Amino acid sequence: MQRVLADNKSKVLGQSPDGTQIDFQTKKTMFNWELLGRANVVPAASGSDVHLSLNVHHNRPPALMDGVKNRKAIEKLAGQIQAAID
């Protein structure tokens, strides 16, 4: 997870002592403000589940298309995490 975030130039803002929760901030791009994210790793029968959330940075104005952009960003990040695991 840390490697995928670093590859995307995301900044880790904090993490739980056991590493199961990581708070991060994505980088600003030409088309998107920074996003605040959280990844929770939860034990599961087949290994671990990773729960991701993204939201507009609290210092940035919300926009009409935030939901669509956030969904695309989270799907891309989830795919990168899955690829790193495989």
N, C-alpha and C. Protein backbone atom coordinates (compact mmCIF):
# COMPACT_ATOMS: atom_id res chain seq x y z
N MET A 1 0.82 -1.18 0.00
CA MET A 1 0.00 0.00 0.00
C MET A 1 0.88 1.26 0.00
N GLN A 2 1.86 1.29 0.87
CA GLN A 2 2.75 2.46 0.96
C GLN A 2 3.45 2.71 -0.38
N ARG A 3 3.87 1.64 -1.04
CA ARG A 3 4.57 1.77 -2.32
C ARG A 3 3.65 2.34 -3.38
N VAL A 4 2.42 1.88 -3.44
CA VAL A 4 1.45 2.38 -4.42
C VAL A 4 1.20 3.87 -4.18
N LEU A 5 1.04 4.27 -2.93
CA LEU A 5 0.85 5.69 -2.62
C LEU A 5 2.07 6.51 -3.03
N ALA A 6 3.25 6.00 -2.75
CA ALA A 6 4.48 6.71 -3.13
C ALA A 6 4.61 6.81 -4.64
N ASP A 7 4.26 5.74 -5.36
CA ASP A 7 4.33 5.76 -6.82
C ASP A 7 3.40 6.81 -7.41
N ASN A 8 2.29 7.08 -6.72
CA ASN A 8 1.32 8.09 -7.17
C ASN A 8 1.63 9.48 -6.62
N LYS A 9 2.76 9.60 -5.94
CA LYS A 9 3.18 10.86 -5.33
C LYS A 9 2.18 11.37 -4.31
N SER A 10 1.48 10.43 -3.67
CA SER A 10 0.58 10.78 -2.57
C SER A 10 1.40 10.94 -1.31
N LYS A 11 0.94 11.79 -0.42
CA LYS A 11 1.64 12.07 0.83
C LYS A 11 0.92 11.36 1.97
N VAL A 12 1.63 10.53 2.71
CA VAL A 12 1.06 9.86 3.87
C VAL A 12 0.98 10.87 5.00
N LEU A 13 -0.23 11.08 5.52
CA LEU A 13 -0.46 12.05 6.59
C LEU A 13 -0.39 11.41 7.97
N GLY A 14 -0.59 10.12 8.03
CA GLY A 14 -0.53 9.41 9.30
C GLY A 14 -0.99 7.99 9.13
N GLN A 15 -0.66 7.17 10.12
CA GLN A 15 -1.12 5.79 10.08
C GLN A 15 -1.20 5.25 11.49
N SER A 16 -2.04 4.25 11.65
CA SER A 16 -2.20 3.63 12.96
C SER A 16 -0.92 2.86 13.31
N PRO A 17 -0.65 2.64 14.59
CA PRO A 17 0.56 1.93 14.99
C PRO A 17 0.71 0.55 14.36
N ASP A 18 -0.42 -0.14 14.14
CA ASP A 18 -0.34 -1.47 13.54
C ASP A 18 -0.38 -1.44 12.02
N GLY A 19 -0.49 -0.25 11.43
CA GLY A 19 -0.46 -0.11 9.97
C GLY A 19 -1.74 -0.47 9.26
N THR A 20 -2.81 -0.71 10.00
CA THR A 20 -4.06 -1.11 9.34
C THR A 20 -4.88 0.07 8.84
N GLN A 21 -4.52 1.29 9.23
CA GLN A 21 -5.20 2.48 8.72
C GLN A 21 -4.17 3.51 8.30
N ILE A 22 -4.30 3.98 7.06
CA ILE A 22 -3.38 4.98 6.53
C ILE A 22 -4.20 6.15 6.00
N ASP A 23 -3.88 7.34 6.46
CA ASP A 23 -4.48 8.57 5.94
C ASP A 23 -3.49 9.19 4.97
N PHE A 24 -3.98 9.63 3.82
CA PHE A 24 -3.09 10.17 2.80
C PHE A 24 -3.75 11.31 2.04
N GLN A 25 -2.92 12.04 1.30
CA GLN A 25 -3.39 13.14 0.45
C GLN A 25 -2.82 12.91 -0.94
N THR A 26 -3.69 12.96 -1.94
CA THR A 26 -3.22 12.81 -3.32
C THR A 26 -2.59 14.12 -3.77
N LYS A 27 -1.85 14.07 -4.85
CA LYS A 27 -1.23 15.29 -5.35
C LYS A 27 -2.22 16.07 -6.21
N LYS A 28 -2.02 17.35 -6.27
CA LYS A 28 -2.82 18.22 -7.11
C LYS A 28 -2.38 18.01 -8.56
N THR A 29 -3.35 17.94 -9.45
CA THR A 29 -3.05 17.82 -10.88
C THR A 29 -3.62 19.03 -11.61
N MET A 30 -3.41 19.07 -12.90
CA MET A 30 -3.93 20.18 -13.69
C MET A 30 -5.47 20.23 -13.64
N PHE A 31 -6.09 19.07 -13.49
CA PHE A 31 -7.55 19.00 -13.54
C PHE A 31 -8.22 18.74 -12.19
N ASN A 32 -7.46 18.37 -11.16
CA ASN A 32 -8.04 18.00 -9.87
C ASN A 32 -7.30 18.63 -8.71
N TRP A 33 -8.09 19.03 -7.69
CA TRP A 33 -7.50 19.46 -6.43
C TRP A 33 -6.97 18.23 -5.71
N GLU A 34 -6.24 18.47 -4.62
CA GLU A 34 -5.81 17.37 -3.78
C GLU A 34 -7.05 16.70 -3.17
N LEU A 35 -6.93 15.42 -2.93
CA LEU A 35 -7.98 14.66 -2.26
C LEU A 35 -7.43 14.08 -0.97
N LEU A 36 -8.26 13.99 0.04
CA LEU A 36 -7.88 13.31 1.27
C LEU A 36 -8.42 11.90 1.21
N GLY A 37 -7.59 10.95 1.58
CA GLY A 37 -8.00 9.55 1.50
C GLY A 37 -7.68 8.79 2.76
N ARG A 38 -8.35 7.67 2.89
CA ARG A 38 -8.09 6.75 3.99
C ARG A 38 -8.16 5.34 3.46
N ALA A 39 -7.21 4.53 3.86
CA ALA A 39 -7.19 3.11 3.53
C ALA A 39 -7.23 2.32 4.83
N ASN A 40 -8.17 1.41 4.92
CA ASN A 40 -8.28 0.51 6.08
C ASN A 40 -8.07 -0.91 5.60
N VAL A 41 -7.16 -1.60 6.24
CA VAL A 41 -6.90 -3.00 5.92
C VAL A 41 -7.57 -3.84 7.00
N VAL A 42 -8.48 -4.72 6.56
CA VAL A 42 -9.28 -5.53 7.48
C VAL A 42 -9.00 -7.00 7.20
N PRO A 43 -8.68 -7.79 8.24
CA PRO A 43 -8.48 -9.23 8.02
C PRO A 43 -9.74 -9.87 7.44
N ALA A 44 -9.53 -10.79 6.52
CA ALA A 44 -10.64 -11.51 5.89
C ALA A 44 -10.25 -12.98 5.76
N ALA A 45 -11.21 -13.81 5.45
CA ALA A 45 -10.96 -15.25 5.34
C ALA A 45 -9.91 -15.56 4.28
N SER A 46 -9.90 -14.80 3.19
CA SER A 46 -8.97 -15.08 2.10
C SER A 46 -7.71 -14.22 2.17
N GLY A 47 -7.46 -13.54 3.27
CA GLY A 47 -6.29 -12.68 3.41
C GLY A 47 -6.67 -11.38 4.07
N SER A 48 -6.76 -10.31 3.28
CA SER A 48 -7.15 -9.00 3.80
C SER A 48 -8.03 -8.28 2.80
N ASP A 49 -8.93 -7.46 3.32
CA ASP A 49 -9.72 -6.56 2.49
C ASP A 49 -9.18 -5.16 2.70
N VAL A 50 -9.13 -4.38 1.64
CA VAL A 50 -8.70 -2.99 1.73
C VAL A 50 -9.92 -2.12 1.42
N HIS A 51 -10.28 -1.26 2.37
CA HIS A 51 -11.39 -0.34 2.20
C HIS A 51 -10.80 1.05 1.96
N LEU A 52 -11.18 1.67 0.84
CA LEU A 52 -10.65 2.98 0.47
C LEU A 52 -11.74 4.03 0.49
N SER A 53 -11.38 5.24 0.88
CA SER A 53 -12.30 6.37 0.77
C SER A 53 -11.50 7.60 0.33
N LEU A 54 -12.13 8.43 -0.47
CA LEU A 54 -11.53 9.69 -0.94
C LEU A 54 -12.56 10.79 -0.82
N ASN A 55 -12.10 11.98 -0.50
CA ASN A 55 -12.99 13.12 -0.44
C ASN A 55 -12.20 14.37 -0.79
N VAL A 56 -12.90 15.42 -1.15
CA VAL A 56 -12.27 16.69 -1.47
C VAL A 56 -11.52 17.20 -0.24
N HIS A 57 -10.34 17.73 -0.45
CA HIS A 57 -9.56 18.31 0.64
C HIS A 57 -10.37 19.41 1.30
N HIS A 58 -10.33 19.49 2.62
CA HIS A 58 -11.15 20.47 3.34
C HIS A 58 -10.78 21.92 3.04
N ASN A 59 -9.63 22.19 2.47
CA ASN A 59 -9.23 23.55 2.11
C ASN A 59 -9.57 23.90 0.67
N ARG A 60 -10.29 23.03 -0.02
CA ARG A 60 -10.60 23.26 -1.43
C ARG A 60 -12.11 23.34 -1.63
N PRO A 61 -12.55 24.14 -2.59
CA PRO A 61 -13.99 24.25 -2.82
C PRO A 61 -14.54 22.99 -3.48
N PRO A 62 -15.73 22.57 -3.08
CA PRO A 62 -16.35 21.42 -3.75
C PRO A 62 -16.80 21.82 -5.16
N ALA A 63 -16.87 20.83 -6.04
CA ALA A 63 -17.29 21.08 -7.42
C ALA A 63 -18.38 20.08 -7.80
N LEU A 64 -19.10 20.41 -8.83
CA LEU A 64 -20.23 19.59 -9.28
C LEU A 64 -19.81 18.16 -9.64
N MET A 65 -18.66 17.99 -10.22
CA MET A 65 -18.23 16.67 -10.70
C MET A 65 -17.36 15.91 -9.71
N ASP A 66 -17.27 16.36 -8.47
CA ASP A 66 -16.40 15.69 -7.48
C ASP A 66 -16.71 14.21 -7.33
N GLY A 67 -17.98 13.86 -7.27
CA GLY A 67 -18.35 12.45 -7.09
C GLY A 67 -17.82 11.57 -8.20
N VAL A 68 -17.97 12.01 -9.43
CA VAL A 68 -17.50 11.24 -10.58
C VAL A 68 -15.98 11.14 -10.58
N LYS A 69 -15.31 12.26 -10.33
CA LYS A 69 -13.84 12.26 -10.31
C LYS A 69 -13.30 11.40 -9.17
N ASN A 70 -13.93 11.52 -8.00
CA ASN A 70 -13.47 10.73 -6.86
C ASN A 70 -13.65 9.23 -7.12
N ARG A 71 -14.77 8.86 -7.73
CA ARG A 71 -15.02 7.45 -8.04
C ARG A 71 -13.96 6.92 -9.02
N LYS A 72 -13.63 7.69 -10.05
CA LYS A 72 -12.60 7.27 -11.00
C LYS A 72 -11.24 7.15 -10.32
N ALA A 73 -10.93 8.11 -9.45
CA ALA A 73 -9.65 8.08 -8.74
C ALA A 73 -9.55 6.87 -7.82
N ILE A 74 -10.62 6.55 -7.13
CA ILE A 74 -10.60 5.42 -6.19
C ILE A 74 -10.53 4.10 -6.95
N GLU A 75 -11.20 4.01 -8.09
CA GLU A 75 -11.14 2.79 -8.91
C GLU A 75 -9.73 2.59 -9.45
N LYS A 76 -9.09 3.66 -9.86
CA LYS A 76 -7.71 3.58 -10.36
C LYS A 76 -6.77 3.14 -9.25
N LEU A 77 -6.90 3.73 -8.06
CA LEU A 77 -6.05 3.37 -6.93
C LEU A 77 -6.28 1.92 -6.52
N ALA A 78 -7.53 1.49 -6.48
CA ALA A 78 -7.83 0.09 -6.12
C ALA A 78 -7.19 -0.87 -7.13
N GLY A 79 -7.25 -0.54 -8.41
CA GLY A 79 -6.62 -1.37 -9.43
C GLY A 79 -5.11 -1.45 -9.26
N GLN A 80 -4.50 -0.33 -8.90
CA GLN A 80 -3.05 -0.32 -8.68
C GLN A 80 -2.66 -1.15 -7.47
N ILE A 81 -3.48 -1.08 -6.42
CA ILE A 81 -3.20 -1.89 -5.22
C ILE A 81 -3.35 -3.37 -5.56
N GLN A 82 -4.41 -3.72 -6.29
CA GLN A 82 -4.61 -5.12 -6.68
C GLN A 82 -3.45 -5.62 -7.54
N ALA A 83 -3.00 -4.80 -8.47
CA ALA A 83 -1.87 -5.19 -9.34
C ALA A 83 -0.58 -5.39 -8.52
N ALA A 84 -0.39 -4.57 -7.50
CA ALA A 84 0.80 -4.70 -6.66
C ALA A 84 0.77 -5.98 -5.82
N ILE A 85 -0.44 -6.42 -5.47
CA ILE A 85 -0.59 -7.63 -4.67
C ILE A 85 -0.39 -8.87 -5.51
N ASP A 86 -0.89 -8.84 -6.75
CA ASP A 86 -0.83 -10.02 -7.63
C ASP A 86 0.54 -10.35 -8.10
